Amino acid sequence: MSGMEDGGGVREKGEFAVLGFVLSCRLQEVGTEDATRVLDALEAELESRGLIMGGGVDADRLDVFVLPHKNASATDNDRLALAEWLDQQPLCAEVAVGDWMDAYGVE
């Protein structure tokens, strides 16, 4: 047994892929409170689309990996709309959105 029988994230090689993408930007001279507000606003935007994220912010960058919430799906429109939304935030510059990738990184 894996020790994660009660709902953990273990999967066997060859099973389904969980696709997600990287979303990042440079934050323009923001303090901790401003960075937290950007992260909270992004989280609300993601939740409205059935998405979740991992990662966060530091003094000058926001770097997150975005995934669909359990039993939800994401589209390329979601991916591009989130990049556009982030690009419209006054504190964000150099927005980048990655291609779809397997969150488990199976080789």
PDB file of N, CA and C in Angstrom:
ATOM      1  N   MET A   1       0.841  -1.194   0.000  1.00  0.00           N
ATOM      2  CA  MET A   1       0.000   0.000   0.000  1.00  0.00           C
ATOM      3  C   MET A   1       0.881   1.250   0.000  1.00  0.00           C
ATOM      4  N   SER A   2       0.363   2.315  -0.543  1.00  0.00           N
ATOM      5  CA  SER A   2       1.148   3.533  -0.682  1.00  0.00           C
ATOM      6  C   SER A   2       1.107   4.421   0.547  1.00  0.00           C
ATOM      7  N   GLY A   3       0.182   4.182   1.443  1.00  0.00           N
ATOM      8  CA  GLY A   3       0.023   5.082   2.579  1.00  0.00           C
ATOM      9  C   GLY A   3      -0.859   6.271   2.249  1.00  0.00           C
ATOM     10  N   MET A   4      -1.398   6.292   1.031  1.00  0.00           N
ATOM     11  CA  MET A   4      -2.247   7.416   0.622  1.00  0.00           C
ATOM     12  C   MET A   4      -3.585   6.898   0.144  1.00  0.00           C
ATOM     13  N   GLU A   5      -4.068   5.843   0.748  1.00  0.00           N
ATOM     14  CA  GLU A   5      -5.311   5.211   0.311  1.00  0.00           C
ATOM     15  C   GLU A   5      -6.540   6.089   0.507  1.00  0.00           C
ATOM     16  N   ASP A   6      -6.446   7.096   1.334  1.00  0.00           N
ATOM     17  CA  ASP A   6      -7.619   7.918   1.635  1.00  0.00           C
ATOM     18  C   ASP A   6      -7.662   9.203   0.807  1.00  0.00           C
ATOM     19  N   GLY A   7      -7.290   9.104  -0.481  1.00  0.00           N
ATOM     20  CA  GLY A   7      -7.481  10.256  -1.366  1.00  0.00           C
ATOM     21  C   GLY A   7      -6.222  11.003  -1.722  1.00  0.00           C
ATOM     22  N   GLY A   8      -5.054  10.445  -1.496  1.00  0.00           N
ATOM     23  CA  GLY A   8      -3.819  11.120  -1.844  1.00  0.00           C
ATOM     24  C   GLY A   8      -3.636  11.248  -3.345  1.00  0.00           C
ATOM     25  N   GLY A   9      -2.546  11.821  -3.743  1.00  0.00           N
ATOM     26  CA  GLY A   9      -2.312  12.120  -5.142  1.00  0.00           C
ATOM     27  C   GLY A   9      -1.443  11.119  -5.872  1.00  0.00           C
ATOM     28  N   VAL A  10      -1.405   9.879  -5.451  1.00  0.00           N
ATOM     29  CA  VAL A  10      -0.577   8.882  -6.116  1.00  0.00           C
ATOM     30  C   VAL A  10      -1.322   8.300  -7.300  1.00  0.00           C
ATOM     31  N   ARG A  11      -0.606   8.077  -8.415  1.00  0.00           N
ATOM     32  CA  ARG A  11      -1.209   7.422  -9.572  1.00  0.00           C
ATOM     33  C   ARG A  11      -0.176   6.508 -10.190  1.00  0.00           C
ATOM     34  N   GLU A  12      -0.662   5.541 -10.886  1.00  0.00           N
ATOM     35  CA  GLU A  12       0.214   4.595 -11.556  1.00  0.00           C
ATOM     36  C   GLU A  12       0.633   5.159 -12.907  1.00  0.00           C
ATOM     37  N   LYS A  13       1.855   4.834 -13.325  1.00  0.00           N
ATOM     38  CA  LYS A  13       2.339   5.273 -14.629  1.00  0.00           C
ATOM     39  C   LYS A  13       1.390   4.763 -15.711  1.00  0.00           C
ATOM     40  N   GLY A  14       1.096   5.619 -16.682  1.00  0.00           N
ATOM     41  CA  GLY A  14       0.217   5.242 -17.779  1.00  0.00           C
ATOM     42  C   GLY A  14      -1.230   5.617 -17.553  1.00  0.00           C
ATOM     43  N   GLU A  15      -1.583   6.044 -16.354  1.00  0.00           N
ATOM     44  CA  GLU A  15      -2.955   6.489 -16.114  1.00  0.00           C
ATOM     45  C   GLU A  15      -3.135   7.886 -16.683  1.00  0.00           C
ATOM     46  N   PHE A  16      -4.264   8.487 -16.412  1.00  0.00           N
ATOM     47  CA  PHE A  16      -4.629   9.801 -16.917  1.00  0.00           C
ATOM     48  C   PHE A  16      -3.581  10.864 -16.588  1.00  0.00           C
ATOM     49  N   ALA A  17      -3.561  11.907 -17.372  1.00  0.00           N
ATOM     50  CA  ALA A  17      -2.693  13.054 -17.120  1.00  0.00           C
ATOM     51  C   ALA A  17      -3.528  14.161 -16.492  1.00  0.00           C
ATOM     52  N   VAL A  18      -2.945  14.876 -15.562  1.00  0.00           N
ATOM     53  CA  VAL A  18      -3.556  16.070 -14.996  1.00  0.00           C
ATOM     54  C   VAL A  18      -2.794  17.239 -15.593  1.00  0.00           C
ATOM     55  N   LEU A  19      -3.465  17.981 -16.471  1.00  0.00           N
ATOM     56  CA  LEU A  19      -2.795  19.058 -17.187  1.00  0.00           C
ATOM     57  C   LEU A  19      -2.950  20.383 -16.466  1.00  0.00           C
ATOM     58  N   GLY A  20      -1.894  21.163 -16.502  1.00  0.00           N
ATOM     59  CA  GLY A  20      -1.886  22.499 -15.922  1.00  0.00           C
ATOM     60  C   GLY A  20      -0.884  23.350 -16.677  1.00  0.00           C
ATOM     61  N   PHE A  21      -0.686  24.571 -16.208  1.00  0.00           N
ATOM     62  CA  PHE A  21       0.237  25.485 -16.878  1.00  0.00           C
ATOM     63  C   PHE A  21       0.823  26.468 -15.870  1.00  0.00           C
ATOM     64  N   VAL A  22       1.976  26.998 -16.236  1.00  0.00           N
ATOM     65  CA  VAL A  22       2.663  27.988 -15.414  1.00  0.00           C
ATOM     66  C   VAL A  22       2.155  29.370 -15.806  1.00  0.00           C
ATOM     67  N   LEU A  23       1.954  30.205 -14.806  1.00  0.00           N
ATOM     68  CA  LEU A  23       1.562  31.598 -15.007  1.00  0.00           C
ATOM     69  C   LEU A  23       2.491  32.440 -14.143  1.00  0.00           C
ATOM     70  N   SER A  24       3.132  33.440 -14.739  1.00  0.00           N
ATOM     71  CA  SER A  24       4.088  34.227 -13.961  1.00  0.00           C
ATOM     72  C   SER A  24       4.136  35.664 -14.458  1.00  0.00           C
ATOM     73  N   CYS A  25       4.689  36.511 -13.603  1.00  0.00           N
ATOM     74  CA  CYS A  25       4.929  37.900 -13.983  1.00  0.00           C
ATOM     75  C   CYS A  25       5.954  38.511 -13.027  1.00  0.00           C
ATOM     76  N   ARG A  26       6.495  39.633 -13.457  1.00  0.00           N
ATOM     77  CA  ARG A  26       7.352  40.428 -12.587  1.00  0.00           C
ATOM     78  C   ARG A  26       6.455  41.452 -11.904  1.00  0.00           C
ATOM     79  N   LEU A  27       6.620  41.611 -10.607  1.00  0.00           N
ATOM     80  CA  LEU A  27       5.849  42.606  -9.859  1.00  0.00           C
ATOM     81  C   LEU A  27       6.659  43.893  -9.795  1.00  0.00           C
ATOM     82  N   GLN A  28       6.007  44.998 -10.076  1.00  0.00           N
ATOM     83  CA  GLN A  28       6.689  46.277 -10.147  1.00  0.00           C
ATOM     84  C   GLN A  28       6.727  46.958  -8.783  1.00  0.00           C
ATOM     85  N   GLU A  29       7.851  46.858  -8.127  1.00  0.00           N
ATOM     86  CA  GLU A  29       8.116  47.562  -6.868  1.00  0.00           C
ATOM     87  C   GLU A  29       6.908  47.582  -5.940  1.00  0.00           C
ATOM     88  N   VAL A  30       6.544  46.413  -5.476  1.00  0.00           N
ATOM     89  CA  VAL A  30       5.400  46.306  -4.587  1.00  0.00           C
ATOM     90  C   VAL A  30       5.856  45.881  -3.207  1.00  0.00           C
ATOM     91  N   GLY A  31       5.073  46.249  -2.223  1.00  0.00           N
ATOM     92  CA  GLY A  31       5.315  45.790  -0.865  1.00  0.00           C
ATOM     93  C   GLY A  31       4.579  44.483  -0.622  1.00  0.00           C
ATOM     94  N   THR A  32       4.748  43.953   0.556  1.00  0.00           N
ATOM     95  CA  THR A  32       4.128  42.681   0.912  1.00  0.00           C
ATOM     96  C   THR A  32       2.613  42.742   0.792  1.00  0.00           C
ATOM     97  N   GLU A  33       2.014  43.827   1.249  1.00  0.00           N
ATOM     98  CA  GLU A  33       0.551  43.946   1.183  1.00  0.00           C
ATOM     99  C   GLU A  33       0.062  43.978  -0.268  1.00  0.00           C
ATOM    100  N   ASP A  34       0.761  44.706  -1.134  1.00  0.00           N
ATOM    101  CA  ASP A  34       0.374  44.767  -2.547  1.00  0.00           C
ATOM    102  C   ASP A  34       0.499  43.395  -3.199  1.00  0.00           C
ATOM    103  N   ALA A  35       1.585  42.705  -2.916  1.00  0.00           N
ATOM    104  CA  ALA A  35       1.792  41.368  -3.488  1.00  0.00           C
ATOM    105  C   ALA A  35       0.695  40.416  -3.029  1.00  0.00           C
ATOM    106  N   THR A  36       0.320  40.504  -1.771  1.00  0.00           N
ATOM    107  CA  THR A  36      -0.750  39.664  -1.233  1.00  0.00           C
ATOM    108  C   THR A  36      -2.077  39.973  -1.921  1.00  0.00           C
ATOM    109  N   ARG A  37      -2.353  41.241  -2.171  1.00  0.00           N
ATOM    110  CA  ARG A  37      -3.593  41.623  -2.861  1.00  0.00           C
ATOM    111  C   ARG A  37      -3.629  41.056  -4.281  1.00  0.00           C
ATOM    112  N   VAL A  38      -2.495  41.107  -4.986  1.00  0.00           N
ATOM    113  CA  VAL A  38      -2.442  40.551  -6.343  1.00  0.00           C
ATOM    114  C   VAL A  38      -2.697  39.050  -6.294  1.00  0.00           C
ATOM    115  N   LEU A  39      -2.069  38.377  -5.350  1.00  0.00           N
ATOM    116  CA  LEU A  39      -2.241  36.930  -5.219  1.00  0.00           C
ATOM    117  C   LEU A  39      -3.684  36.576  -4.859  1.00  0.00           C
ATOM    118  N   ASP A  40      -4.286  37.322  -3.945  1.00  0.00           N
ATOM    119  CA  ASP A  40      -5.683  37.076  -3.568  1.00  0.00           C
ATOM    120  C   ASP A  40      -6.632  37.318  -4.739  1.00  0.00           C
ATOM    121  N   ALA A  41      -6.385  38.371  -5.511  1.00  0.00           N
ATOM    122  CA  ALA A  41      -7.228  38.667  -6.675  1.00  0.00           C
ATOM    123  C   ALA A  41      -7.080  37.572  -7.729  1.00  0.00           C
ATOM    124  N   LEU A  42      -5.862  37.082  -7.923  1.00  0.00           N
ATOM    125  CA  LEU A  42      -5.651  35.990  -8.868  1.00  0.00           C
ATOM    126  C   LEU A  42      -6.363  34.730  -8.397  1.00  0.00           C
ATOM    127  N   GLU A  43      -6.278  34.448  -7.121  1.00  0.00           N
ATOM    128  CA  GLU A  43      -6.962  33.274  -6.583  1.00  0.00           C
ATOM    129  C   GLU A  43      -8.466  33.358  -6.820  1.00  0.00           C
ATOM    130  N   ALA A  44      -9.058  34.526  -6.616  1.00  0.00           N
ATOM    131  CA  ALA A  44     -10.496  34.703  -6.864  1.00  0.00           C
ATOM    132  C   ALA A  44     -10.822  34.504  -8.344  1.00  0.00           C
ATOM    133  N   GLU A  45      -9.972  35.016  -9.223  1.00  0.00           N
ATOM    134  CA  GLU A  45     -10.176  34.852 -10.667  1.00  0.00           C
ATOM    135  C   GLU A  45     -10.094  33.374 -11.047  1.00  0.00           C
ATOM    136  N   LEU A  46      -9.139  32.670 -10.487  1.00  0.00           N
ATOM    137  CA  LEU A  46      -9.002  31.240 -10.746  1.00  0.00           C
ATOM    138  C   LEU A  46     -10.228  30.475 -10.255  1.00  0.00           C
ATOM    139  N   GLU A  47     -10.658  30.758  -9.040  1.00  0.00           N
ATOM    140  CA  GLU A  47     -11.818  30.063  -8.471  1.00  0.00           C
ATOM    141  C   GLU A  47     -13.059  30.256  -9.327  1.00  0.00           C
ATOM    142  N   SER A  48     -13.217  31.435  -9.919  1.00  0.00           N
ATOM    143  CA  SER A  48     -14.388  31.688 -10.763  1.00  0.00           C
ATOM    144  C   SER A  48     -14.373  30.810 -12.018  1.00  0.00           C
ATOM    145  N   ARG A  49     -13.220  30.251 -12.354  1.00  0.00           N
ATOM    146  CA  ARG A  49     -13.075  29.390 -13.521  1.00  0.00           C
ATOM    147  C   ARG A  49     -12.905  27.916 -13.141  1.00  0.00           C
ATOM    148  N   GLY A  50     -13.031  27.602 -11.857  1.00  0.00           N
ATOM    149  CA  GLY A  50     -12.884  26.222 -11.415  1.00  0.00           C
ATOM    150  C   GLY A  50     -11.433  25.758 -11.370  1.00  0.00           C
ATOM    151  N   LEU A  51     -10.513  26.697 -11.158  1.00  0.00           N
ATOM    152  CA  LEU A  51      -9.090  26.389 -11.157  1.00  0.00           C
ATOM    153  C   LEU A  51      -8.480  26.659  -9.783  1.00  0.00           C
ATOM    154  N   ILE A  52      -7.353  26.025  -9.533  1.00  0.00           N
ATOM    155  CA  ILE A  52      -6.588  26.244  -8.310  1.00  0.00           C
ATOM    156  C   ILE A  52      -5.134  26.473  -8.697  1.00  0.00           C
ATOM    157  N   MET A  53      -4.325  26.923  -7.739  1.00  0.00           N
ATOM    158  CA  MET A  53      -2.924  27.185  -8.036  1.00  0.00           C
ATOM    159  C   MET A  53      -2.034  26.739  -6.892  1.00  0.00           C
ATOM    160  N   GLY A  54      -0.794  26.535  -7.231  1.00  0.00           N
ATOM    161  CA  GLY A  54       0.257  26.310  -6.257  1.00  0.00           C
ATOM    162  C   GLY A  54       1.390  27.248  -6.606  1.00  0.00           C
ATOM    163  N   GLY A  55       2.144  27.651  -5.625  1.00  0.00           N
ATOM    164  CA  GLY A  55       3.219  28.611  -5.850  1.00  0.00           C
ATOM    165  C   GLY A  55       2.925  29.862  -5.070  1.00  0.00           C
ATOM    166  N   GLY A  56       3.376  31.004  -5.544  1.00  0.00           N
ATOM    167  CA  GLY A  56       3.098  32.236  -4.820  1.00  0.00           C
ATOM    168  C   GLY A  56       3.926  33.402  -5.301  1.00  0.00           C
ATOM    169  N   VAL A  57       4.130  34.337  -4.397  1.00  0.00           N
ATOM    170  CA  VAL A  57       4.850  35.568  -4.721  1.00  0.00           C
ATOM    171  C   VAL A  57       6.033  35.745  -3.774  1.00  0.00           C
ATOM    172  N   ASP A  58       7.006  36.495  -4.274  1.00  0.00           N
ATOM    173  CA  ASP A  58       8.066  36.975  -3.403  1.00  0.00           C
ATOM    174  C   ASP A  58       8.175  38.474  -3.648  1.00  0.00           C
ATOM    175  N   ALA A  59       9.288  39.061  -3.345  1.00  0.00           N
ATOM    176  CA  ALA A  59       9.417  40.513  -3.426  1.00  0.00           C
ATOM    177  C   ALA A  59       9.186  41.078  -4.821  1.00  0.00           C
ATOM    178  N   ASP A  60       9.534  40.323  -5.852  1.00  0.00           N
ATOM    179  CA  ASP A  60       9.408  40.908  -7.185  1.00  0.00           C
ATOM    180  C   ASP A  60       8.839  39.977  -8.260  1.00  0.00           C
ATOM    181  N   ARG A  61       8.347  38.790  -7.878  1.00  0.00           N
ATOM    182  CA  ARG A  61       7.803  37.853  -8.862  1.00  0.00           C
ATOM    183  C   ARG A  61       6.569  37.136  -8.345  1.00  0.00           C
ATOM    184  N   LEU A  62       5.701  36.805  -9.269  1.00  0.00           N
ATOM    185  CA  LEU A  62       4.586  35.908  -9.020  1.00  0.00           C
ATOM    186  C   LEU A  62       4.802  34.716  -9.932  1.00  0.00           C
ATOM    187  N   ASP A  63       4.868  33.533  -9.360  1.00  0.00           N
ATOM    188  CA  ASP A  63       5.057  32.301 -10.119  1.00  0.00           C
ATOM    189  C   ASP A  63       4.119  31.249  -9.560  1.00  0.00           C
ATOM    190  N   VAL A  64       3.155  30.809 -10.379  1.00  0.00           N
ATOM    191  CA  VAL A  64       2.199  29.802  -9.930  1.00  0.00           C
ATOM    192  C   VAL A  64       2.022  28.732 -11.006  1.00  0.00           C
ATOM    193  N   PHE A  65       1.593  27.561 -10.559  1.00  0.00           N
ATOM    194  CA  PHE A  65       1.189  26.487 -11.464  1.00  0.00           C
ATOM    195  C   PHE A  65      -0.312  26.338 -11.293  1.00  0.00           C
ATOM    196  N   VAL A  66      -1.040  26.404 -12.390  1.00  0.00           N
ATOM    197  CA  VAL A  66      -2.504  26.419 -12.376  1.00  0.00           C
ATOM    198  C   VAL A  66      -3.025  25.064 -12.842  1.00  0.00           C
ATOM    199  N   LEU A  67      -3.996  24.547 -12.083  1.00  0.00           N
ATOM    200  CA  LEU A  67      -4.614  23.253 -12.356  1.00  0.00           C
ATOM    201  C   LEU A  67      -6.129  23.367 -12.250  1.00  0.00           C
ATOM    202  N   PRO A  68      -6.854  22.491 -12.929  1.00  0.00           N
ATOM    203  CA  PRO A  68      -8.304  22.455 -12.710  1.00  0.00           C
ATOM    204  C   PRO A  68      -8.606  21.882 -11.329  1.00  0.00           C
ATOM    205  N   HIS A  69      -9.618  22.424 -10.703  1.00  0.00           N
ATOM    206  CA  HIS A  69     -10.098  21.885  -9.435  1.00  0.00           C
ATOM    207  C   HIS A  69     -10.665  20.498  -9.697  1.00  0.00           C
ATOM    208  N   LYS A  70     -10.706  19.669  -8.699  1.00  0.00           N
ATOM    209  CA  LYS A  70     -11.241  18.312  -8.849  1.00  0.00           C
ATOM    210  C   LYS A  70     -12.613  18.377  -9.524  1.00  0.00           C
ATOM    211  N   ASN A  71     -12.829  17.527 -10.493  1.00  0.00           N
ATOM    212  CA  ASN A  71     -14.075  17.424 -11.264  1.00  0.00           C
ATOM    213  C   ASN A  71     -14.361  18.648 -12.127  1.00  0.00           C
ATOM    214  N   ALA A  72     -13.349  19.468 -12.383  1.00  0.00           N
ATOM    215  CA  ALA A  72     -13.506  20.621 -13.272  1.00  0.00           C
ATOM    216  C   ALA A  72     -12.564  20.419 -14.454  1.00  0.00           C
ATOM    217  N   SER A  73     -12.749  21.211 -15.472  1.00  0.00           N
ATOM    218  CA  SER A  73     -11.831  21.160 -16.600  1.00  0.00           C
ATOM    219  C   SER A  73     -11.445  22.588 -16.957  1.00  0.00           C
ATOM    220  N   ALA A  74     -10.348  22.725 -17.636  1.00  0.00           N
ATOM    221  CA  ALA A  74      -9.879  24.033 -18.070  1.00  0.00           C
ATOM    222  C   ALA A  74      -9.680  23.990 -19.577  1.00  0.00           C
ATOM    223  N   THR A  75      -9.825  25.126 -20.200  1.00  0.00           N
ATOM    224  CA  THR A  75      -9.675  25.211 -21.646  1.00  0.00           C
ATOM    225  C   THR A  75      -8.523  26.149 -21.988  1.00  0.00           C
ATOM    226  N   ASP A  76      -8.159  26.146 -23.248  1.00  0.00           N
ATOM    227  CA  ASP A  76      -7.145  27.085 -23.691  1.00  0.00           C
ATOM    228  C   ASP A  76      -7.642  28.517 -23.531  1.00  0.00           C
ATOM    229  N   ASN A  77      -8.954  28.724 -23.670  1.00  0.00           N
ATOM    230  CA  ASN A  77      -9.517  30.059 -23.440  1.00  0.00           C
ATOM    231  C   ASN A  77      -9.274  30.511 -22.008  1.00  0.00           C
ATOM    232  N   ASP A  78      -9.416  29.599 -21.037  1.00  0.00           N
ATOM    233  CA  ASP A  78      -9.117  29.935 -19.641  1.00  0.00           C
ATOM    234  C   ASP A  78      -7.653  30.339 -19.486  1.00  0.00           C
ATOM    235  N   ARG A  79      -6.776  29.546 -20.064  1.00  0.00           N
ATOM    236  CA  ARG A  79      -5.339  29.801 -19.953  1.00  0.00           C
ATOM    237  C   ARG A  79      -4.987  31.179 -20.508  1.00  0.00           C
ATOM    238  N   LEU A  80      -5.481  31.486 -21.697  1.00  0.00           N
ATOM    239  CA  LEU A  80      -5.173  32.770 -22.324  1.00  0.00           C
ATOM    240  C   LEU A  80      -5.865  33.928 -21.618  1.00  0.00           C
ATOM    241  N   ALA A  81      -7.094  33.718 -21.154  1.00  0.00           N
ATOM    242  CA  ALA A  81      -7.817  34.777 -20.440  1.00  0.00           C
ATOM    243  C   ALA A  81      -7.121  35.124 -19.124  1.00  0.00           C
ATOM    244  N   LEU A  82      -6.581  34.133 -18.442  1.00  0.00           N
ATOM    245  CA  LEU A  82      -5.863  34.407 -17.191  1.00  0.00           C
ATOM    246  C   LEU A  82      -4.583  35.190 -17.449  1.00  0.00           C
ATOM    247  N   ALA A  83      -3.890  34.862 -18.515  1.00  0.00           N
ATOM    248  CA  ALA A  83      -2.687  35.626 -18.868  1.00  0.00           C
ATOM    249  C   ALA A  83      -3.063  37.067 -19.191  1.00  0.00           C
ATOM    250  N   GLU A  84      -4.147  37.248 -19.916  1.00  0.00           N
ATOM    251  CA  GLU A  84      -4.606  38.601 -20.242  1.00  0.00           C
ATOM    252  C   GLU A  84      -5.033  39.355 -18.985  1.00  0.00           C
ATOM    253  N   TRP A  85      -5.758  38.667 -18.094  1.00  0.00           N
ATOM    254  CA  TRP A  85      -6.189  39.291 -16.842  1.00  0.00           C
ATOM    255  C   TRP A  85      -4.973  39.755 -16.036  1.00  0.00           C
ATOM    256  N   LEU A  86      -3.970  38.896 -15.918  1.00  0.00           N
ATOM    257  CA  LEU A  86      -2.768  39.248 -15.161  1.00  0.00           C
ATOM    258  C   LEU A  86      -2.043  40.415 -15.825  1.00  0.00           C
ATOM    259  N   ASP A  87      -1.999  40.420 -17.138  1.00  0.00           N
ATOM    260  CA  ASP A  87      -1.335  41.494 -17.882  1.00  0.00           C
ATOM    261  C   ASP A  87      -2.017  42.842 -17.656  1.00  0.00           C
ATOM    262  N   GLN A  88      -3.306  42.837 -17.345  1.00  0.00           N
ATOM    263  CA  GLN A  88      -4.050  44.076 -17.121  1.00  0.00           C
ATOM    264  C   GLN A  88      -3.902  44.614 -15.695  1.00  0.00           C
ATOM    265  N   GLN A  89      -3.279  43.850 -14.826  1.00  0.00           N
ATOM    266  CA  GLN A  89      -3.099  44.299 -13.448  1.00  0.00           C
ATOM    267  C   GLN A  89      -1.972  45.330 -13.409  1.00  0.00           C
ATOM    268  N   PRO A  90      -2.217  46.494 -12.798  1.00  0.00           N
ATOM    269  CA  PRO A  90      -1.230  47.580 -12.845  1.00  0.00           C
ATOM    270  C   PRO A  90       0.126  47.237 -12.218  1.00  0.00           C
ATOM    271  N   LEU A  91       0.168  46.309 -11.308  1.00  0.00           N
ATOM    272  CA  LEU A  91       1.422  45.978 -10.644  1.00  0.00           C
ATOM    273  C   LEU A  91       2.213  44.885 -11.360  1.00  0.00           C
ATOM    274  N   CYS A  92       1.649  44.338 -12.441  1.00  0.00           N
ATOM    275  CA  CYS A  92       2.275  43.203 -13.127  1.00  0.00           C
ATOM    276  C   CYS A  92       2.909  43.629 -14.448  1.00  0.00           C
ATOM    277  N   ALA A  93       4.081  43.073 -14.729  1.00  0.00           N
ATOM    278  CA  ALA A  93       4.776  43.300 -15.993  1.00  0.00           C
ATOM    279  C   ALA A  93       5.389  41.981 -16.440  1.00  0.00           C
ATOM    280  N   GLU A  94       5.719  41.911 -17.704  1.00  0.00           N
ATOM    281  CA  GLU A  94       6.380  40.722 -18.248  1.00  0.00           C
ATOM    282  C   GLU A  94       5.613  39.435 -17.925  1.00  0.00           C
ATOM    283  N   VAL A  95       4.327  39.447 -18.214  1.00  0.00           N
ATOM    284  CA  VAL A  95       3.478  38.285 -17.969  1.00  0.00           C
ATOM    285  C   VAL A  95       3.845  37.166 -18.936  1.00  0.00           C
ATOM    286  N   ALA A  96       3.925  35.963 -18.406  1.00  0.00           N
ATOM    287  CA  ALA A  96       4.212  34.787 -19.229  1.00  0.00           C
ATOM    288  C   ALA A  96       3.256  33.676 -18.837  1.00  0.00           C
ATOM    289  N   VAL A  97       2.782  32.949 -19.846  1.00  0.00           N
ATOM    290  CA  VAL A  97       1.929  31.786 -19.604  1.00  0.00           C
ATOM    291  C   VAL A  97       2.540  30.612 -20.352  1.00  0.00           C
ATOM    292  N   GLY A  98       2.663  29.508 -19.655  1.00  0.00           N
ATOM    293  CA  GLY A  98       3.263  28.325 -20.261  1.00  0.00           C
ATOM    294  C   GLY A  98       2.253  27.486 -21.022  1.00  0.00           C
ATOM    295  N   ASP A  99       2.778  26.530 -21.752  1.00  0.00           N
ATOM    296  CA  ASP A  99       1.943  25.564 -22.452  1.00  0.00           C
ATOM    297  C   ASP A  99       1.388  24.556 -21.453  1.00  0.00           C
ATOM    298  N   TRP A 100       0.387  23.807 -21.886  1.00  0.00           N
ATOM    299  CA  TRP A 100      -0.157  22.739 -21.062  1.00  0.00           C
ATOM    300  C   TRP A 100       0.928  21.703 -20.803  1.00  0.00           C
ATOM    301  N   MET A 101       0.987  21.210 -19.582  1.00  0.00           N
ATOM    302  CA  MET A 101       1.944  20.171 -19.242  1.00  0.00           C
ATOM    303  C   MET A 101       1.337  19.253 -18.182  1.00  0.00           C
ATOM    304  N   ASP A 102       1.836  18.044 -18.112  1.00  0.00           N
ATOM    305  CA  ASP A 102       1.384  17.090 -17.116  1.00  0.00           C
ATOM    306  C   ASP A 102       1.898  17.523 -15.758  1.00  0.00           C
ATOM    307  N   ALA A 103       1.004  17.752 -14.838  1.00  0.00           N
ATOM    308  CA  ALA A 103       1.372  18.213 -13.501  1.00  0.00           C
ATOM    309  C   ALA A 103       2.248  17.210 -12.766  1.00  0.00           C
ATOM    310  N   TYR A 104       2.129  15.949 -13.129  1.00  0.00           N
ATOM    311  CA  TYR A 104       2.924  14.913 -12.465  1.00  0.00           C
ATOM    312  C   TYR A 104       4.286  14.734 -13.124  1.00  0.00           C
ATOM    313  N   GLY A 105       4.493  15.353 -14.285  1.00  0.00           N
ATOM    314  CA  GLY A 105       5.769  15.303 -14.956  1.00  0.00           C
ATOM    315  C   GLY A 105       6.241  13.905 -15.314  1.00  0.00           C
ATOM    316  N   VAL A 106       5.311  13.063 -15.734  1.00  0.00           N
ATOM    317  CA  VAL A 106       5.671  11.704 -16.104  1.00  0.00           C
ATOM    318  C   VAL A 106       6.538  11.743 -17.352  1.00  0.00           C
ATOM    319  N   GLU A 107       7.653  11.032 -17.300  1.00  0.00           N
ATOM    320  CA  GLU A 107       8.568  11.027 -18.450  1.00  0.00           C
ATOM    321  C   GLU A 107       8.030  10.221 -19.592  1.00  0.00           C
TER     322      GLU A 107
END
